[in-house]
Amino acid sequence: MKVTIVCLLVVSISLASAGNLKNILQNRRATATCPPSSGMAGICVFDPNVNCLSNTECHGDKLCCPEGCGSVCKKPVYHHH
């Protein structure tokens, strides 16, 4: 019985921590913007391994940012309020 209660407590704490992490990342993303474009131009070919169409395609805290004639996932610039 005690083992079950401890396991449920650990699972509950883990889920709460995961929820807090999600909120922190969402709040950080809300205060983040894309860094300036490098200004480089080239042949415009969409490569799904390099280019993105939205932030949901970027891993971690990266944003889908304009670069040349397309968009790529980049580390954002954070603005402190």
N, C-alpha and C. Protein backbone atom coordinates (compact mmCIF):
# COMPACT_ATOMS: atom_id res chain seq x y z
N MET A 1 0.82 -1.19 0.00
CA MET A 1 0.00 0.00 0.00
C MET A 1 0.87 1.26 0.00
N LYS A 2 1.90 1.28 0.88
CA LYS A 2 2.78 2.45 0.94
C LYS A 2 3.54 2.64 -0.36
N VAL A 3 3.96 1.52 -0.97
CA VAL A 3 4.70 1.60 -2.23
C VAL A 3 3.83 2.20 -3.32
N THR A 4 2.56 1.81 -3.36
CA THR A 4 1.63 2.34 -4.35
C THR A 4 1.44 3.84 -4.17
N ILE A 5 1.28 4.27 -2.94
CA ILE A 5 1.09 5.70 -2.67
C ILE A 5 2.33 6.49 -3.05
N VAL A 6 3.51 5.95 -2.73
CA VAL A 6 4.75 6.64 -3.08
C VAL A 6 4.90 6.72 -4.59
N CYS A 7 4.58 5.63 -5.29
CA CYS A 7 4.67 5.64 -6.76
C CYS A 7 3.72 6.66 -7.36
N LEU A 8 2.50 6.71 -6.85
CA LEU A 8 1.53 7.68 -7.36
C LEU A 8 1.99 9.11 -7.08
N LEU A 9 2.60 9.33 -5.93
CA LEU A 9 3.11 10.65 -5.59
C LEU A 9 4.23 11.05 -6.53
N VAL A 10 5.14 10.12 -6.81
CA VAL A 10 6.26 10.41 -7.72
C VAL A 10 5.74 10.71 -9.12
N VAL A 11 4.77 9.94 -9.59
CA VAL A 11 4.19 10.17 -10.92
C VAL A 11 3.50 11.53 -10.96
N SER A 12 2.77 11.88 -9.92
CA SER A 12 2.08 13.17 -9.86
C SER A 12 3.06 14.33 -9.89
N ILE A 13 4.14 14.21 -9.13
CA ILE A 13 5.16 15.27 -9.10
C ILE A 13 5.82 15.39 -10.47
N SER A 14 6.11 14.24 -11.11
CA SER A 14 6.74 14.26 -12.43
C SER A 14 5.84 14.94 -13.45
N LEU A 15 4.55 14.62 -13.43
CA LEU A 15 3.62 15.23 -14.37
C LEU A 15 3.49 16.73 -14.11
N ALA A 16 3.45 17.12 -12.85
CA ALA A 16 3.37 18.55 -12.51
C ALA A 16 4.61 19.27 -12.99
N SER A 17 5.77 18.65 -12.83
CA SER A 17 7.03 19.27 -13.28
C SER A 17 7.06 19.41 -14.78
N ALA A 18 6.56 18.40 -15.49
CA ALA A 18 6.51 18.47 -16.95
C ALA A 18 5.57 19.59 -17.39
N GLY A 19 4.45 19.75 -16.70
CA GLY A 19 3.52 20.83 -17.02
C GLY A 19 4.14 22.19 -16.78
N ASN A 20 4.87 22.34 -15.68
CA ASN A 20 5.55 23.61 -15.39
C ASN A 20 6.60 23.90 -16.44
N LEU A 21 7.34 22.89 -16.87
CA LEU A 21 8.37 23.08 -17.90
C LEU A 21 7.72 23.55 -19.19
N LYS A 22 6.59 22.95 -19.56
CA LYS A 22 5.88 23.36 -20.77
C LYS A 22 5.47 24.83 -20.67
N ASN A 23 4.94 25.24 -19.50
CA ASN A 23 4.54 26.63 -19.31
C ASN A 23 5.72 27.57 -19.40
N ILE A 24 6.85 27.18 -18.82
CA ILE A 24 8.05 28.01 -18.88
C ILE A 24 8.51 28.18 -20.31
N LEU A 25 8.54 27.07 -21.07
CA LEU A 25 8.97 27.16 -22.47
C LEU A 25 8.01 28.00 -23.29
N GLN A 26 6.70 27.88 -23.04
CA GLN A 26 5.73 28.69 -23.78
C GLN A 26 5.90 30.16 -23.44
N ASN A 27 6.14 30.47 -22.17
CA ASN A 27 6.35 31.86 -21.78
C ASN A 27 7.63 32.41 -22.38
N ARG A 28 8.69 31.60 -22.42
CA ARG A 28 9.94 32.05 -23.02
C ARG A 28 9.74 32.30 -24.50
N ARG A 29 9.00 31.42 -25.16
CA ARG A 29 8.78 31.57 -26.59
C ARG A 29 7.96 32.82 -26.88
N ALA A 30 7.05 33.18 -25.99
CA ALA A 30 6.21 34.35 -26.18
C ALA A 30 7.04 35.63 -26.12
N THR A 31 8.18 35.62 -25.44
CA THR A 31 9.02 36.80 -25.31
C THR A 31 10.26 36.70 -26.20
N ALA A 32 10.22 35.79 -27.15
CA ALA A 32 11.37 35.57 -28.03
C ALA A 32 11.06 36.03 -29.45
N THR A 33 12.09 36.48 -30.14
CA THR A 33 11.96 36.85 -31.54
C THR A 33 13.09 36.22 -32.34
N CYS A 34 12.92 36.22 -33.62
CA CYS A 34 13.97 35.69 -34.50
C CYS A 34 15.17 36.63 -34.52
N PRO A 35 16.37 36.06 -34.61
CA PRO A 35 17.54 36.91 -34.78
C PRO A 35 17.52 37.52 -36.18
N PRO A 36 18.32 38.56 -36.40
CA PRO A 36 18.37 39.15 -37.75
C PRO A 36 18.82 38.13 -38.79
N SER A 37 18.31 38.28 -39.99
CA SER A 37 18.71 37.42 -41.10
C SER A 37 20.17 37.71 -41.45
N SER A 38 20.85 36.71 -41.97
CA SER A 38 22.26 36.90 -42.35
C SER A 38 22.39 37.77 -43.58
N GLY A 39 21.28 37.96 -44.31
CA GLY A 39 21.32 38.77 -45.53
C GLY A 39 21.80 37.99 -46.74
N MET A 40 22.12 36.72 -46.53
CA MET A 40 22.59 35.89 -47.64
C MET A 40 21.41 35.53 -48.54
N ALA A 41 21.65 35.49 -49.82
CA ALA A 41 20.64 35.08 -50.78
C ALA A 41 21.22 33.92 -51.58
N GLY A 42 20.35 33.09 -52.09
CA GLY A 42 20.83 31.95 -52.87
C GLY A 42 19.71 31.40 -53.70
N ILE A 43 19.93 30.21 -54.21
CA ILE A 43 18.91 29.54 -55.00
C ILE A 43 17.80 29.11 -54.05
N CYS A 44 16.56 29.43 -54.40
CA CYS A 44 15.43 29.14 -53.52
C CYS A 44 14.88 27.74 -53.79
N VAL A 45 15.31 26.80 -52.99
CA VAL A 45 14.82 25.43 -53.07
C VAL A 45 14.40 25.03 -51.67
N PHE A 46 13.16 24.57 -51.51
CA PHE A 46 12.68 24.16 -50.20
C PHE A 46 13.23 22.78 -49.88
N ASP A 47 13.98 22.67 -48.80
CA ASP A 47 14.51 21.40 -48.32
C ASP A 47 13.91 21.15 -46.95
N PRO A 48 13.01 20.16 -46.81
CA PRO A 48 12.35 19.92 -45.52
C PRO A 48 13.32 19.56 -44.39
N ASN A 49 14.54 19.16 -44.73
CA ASN A 49 15.54 18.88 -43.70
C ASN A 49 16.22 20.14 -43.19
N VAL A 50 16.03 21.26 -43.90
CA VAL A 50 16.67 22.52 -43.53
C VAL A 50 15.63 23.61 -43.27
N ASN A 51 14.66 23.71 -44.17
CA ASN A 51 13.67 24.78 -44.10
C ASN A 51 12.47 24.39 -43.25
N CYS A 52 11.73 25.40 -42.81
CA CYS A 52 10.53 25.17 -42.00
C CYS A 52 9.42 26.09 -42.49
N LEU A 53 8.19 25.75 -42.11
CA LEU A 53 7.03 26.57 -42.45
C LEU A 53 6.41 27.20 -41.21
N SER A 54 6.66 26.58 -40.02
CA SER A 54 6.11 27.12 -38.76
C SER A 54 6.98 26.69 -37.59
N ASN A 55 6.78 27.32 -36.45
CA ASN A 55 7.55 27.01 -35.24
C ASN A 55 7.37 25.57 -34.80
N THR A 56 6.24 24.97 -35.11
CA THR A 56 5.98 23.59 -34.68
C THR A 56 6.94 22.60 -35.33
N GLU A 57 7.58 22.98 -36.41
CA GLU A 57 8.53 22.11 -37.09
C GLU A 57 9.94 22.21 -36.50
N CYS A 58 10.14 23.16 -35.59
CA CYS A 58 11.46 23.38 -35.00
C CYS A 58 11.57 22.67 -33.66
N HIS A 59 12.72 22.11 -33.38
CA HIS A 59 12.95 21.37 -32.14
C HIS A 59 13.42 22.30 -31.03
N GLY A 60 13.11 21.90 -29.80
CA GLY A 60 13.54 22.68 -28.64
C GLY A 60 12.88 24.04 -28.62
N ASP A 61 13.68 25.05 -28.31
CA ASP A 61 13.11 26.40 -28.23
C ASP A 61 13.35 27.21 -29.50
N LYS A 62 13.76 26.54 -30.58
CA LYS A 62 14.02 27.25 -31.83
C LYS A 62 12.74 27.75 -32.47
N LEU A 63 12.88 28.84 -33.23
CA LEU A 63 11.76 29.44 -33.96
C LEU A 63 12.01 29.32 -35.45
N CYS A 64 10.95 29.27 -36.22
CA CYS A 64 11.04 29.26 -37.68
C CYS A 64 11.20 30.70 -38.13
N CYS A 65 12.39 31.06 -38.60
CA CYS A 65 12.74 32.45 -38.89
C CYS A 65 13.08 32.66 -40.36
N PRO A 66 12.74 33.84 -40.89
CA PRO A 66 13.08 34.15 -42.28
C PRO A 66 14.60 34.13 -42.50
N GLU A 67 15.01 33.54 -43.60
CA GLU A 67 16.42 33.51 -43.97
C GLU A 67 16.49 33.39 -45.49
N GLY A 68 17.04 34.39 -46.13
CA GLY A 68 17.09 34.38 -47.59
C GLY A 68 15.68 34.42 -48.15
N CYS A 69 15.37 33.47 -49.03
CA CYS A 69 14.02 33.45 -49.62
C CYS A 69 13.14 32.40 -48.96
N GLY A 70 13.58 31.84 -47.84
CA GLY A 70 12.78 30.83 -47.13
C GLY A 70 12.85 31.06 -45.63
N SER A 71 12.64 30.02 -44.87
CA SER A 71 12.71 30.09 -43.41
C SER A 71 13.46 28.88 -42.89
N VAL A 72 14.20 29.08 -41.79
CA VAL A 72 14.95 28.00 -41.14
C VAL A 72 14.75 28.10 -39.63
N CYS A 73 14.98 27.01 -38.93
CA CYS A 73 14.89 27.00 -37.46
C CYS A 73 16.15 27.63 -36.88
N LYS A 74 15.96 28.61 -36.01
CA LYS A 74 17.09 29.33 -35.37
C LYS A 74 16.83 29.48 -33.89
N LYS A 75 17.92 29.62 -33.13
CA LYS A 75 17.80 29.94 -31.71
C LYS A 75 17.26 31.37 -31.62
N PRO A 76 16.24 31.57 -30.79
CA PRO A 76 15.63 32.89 -30.69
C PRO A 76 16.46 33.86 -29.86
N VAL A 77 16.13 35.12 -30.00
CA VAL A 77 16.69 36.18 -29.16
C VAL A 77 15.62 36.47 -28.12
N TYR A 78 15.99 36.40 -26.84
CA TYR A 78 15.01 36.62 -25.76
C TYR A 78 15.03 38.07 -25.31
N HIS A 79 13.83 38.60 -25.10
CA HIS A 79 13.66 39.97 -24.64
C HIS A 79 13.10 39.92 -23.23
N HIS A 80 13.77 40.57 -22.30
CA HIS A 80 13.33 40.57 -20.90
C HIS A 80 12.37 41.74 -20.68
N HIS A 81 11.28 41.43 -20.03
CA HIS A 81 10.25 42.46 -19.76
C HIS A 81 10.43 42.98 -18.36
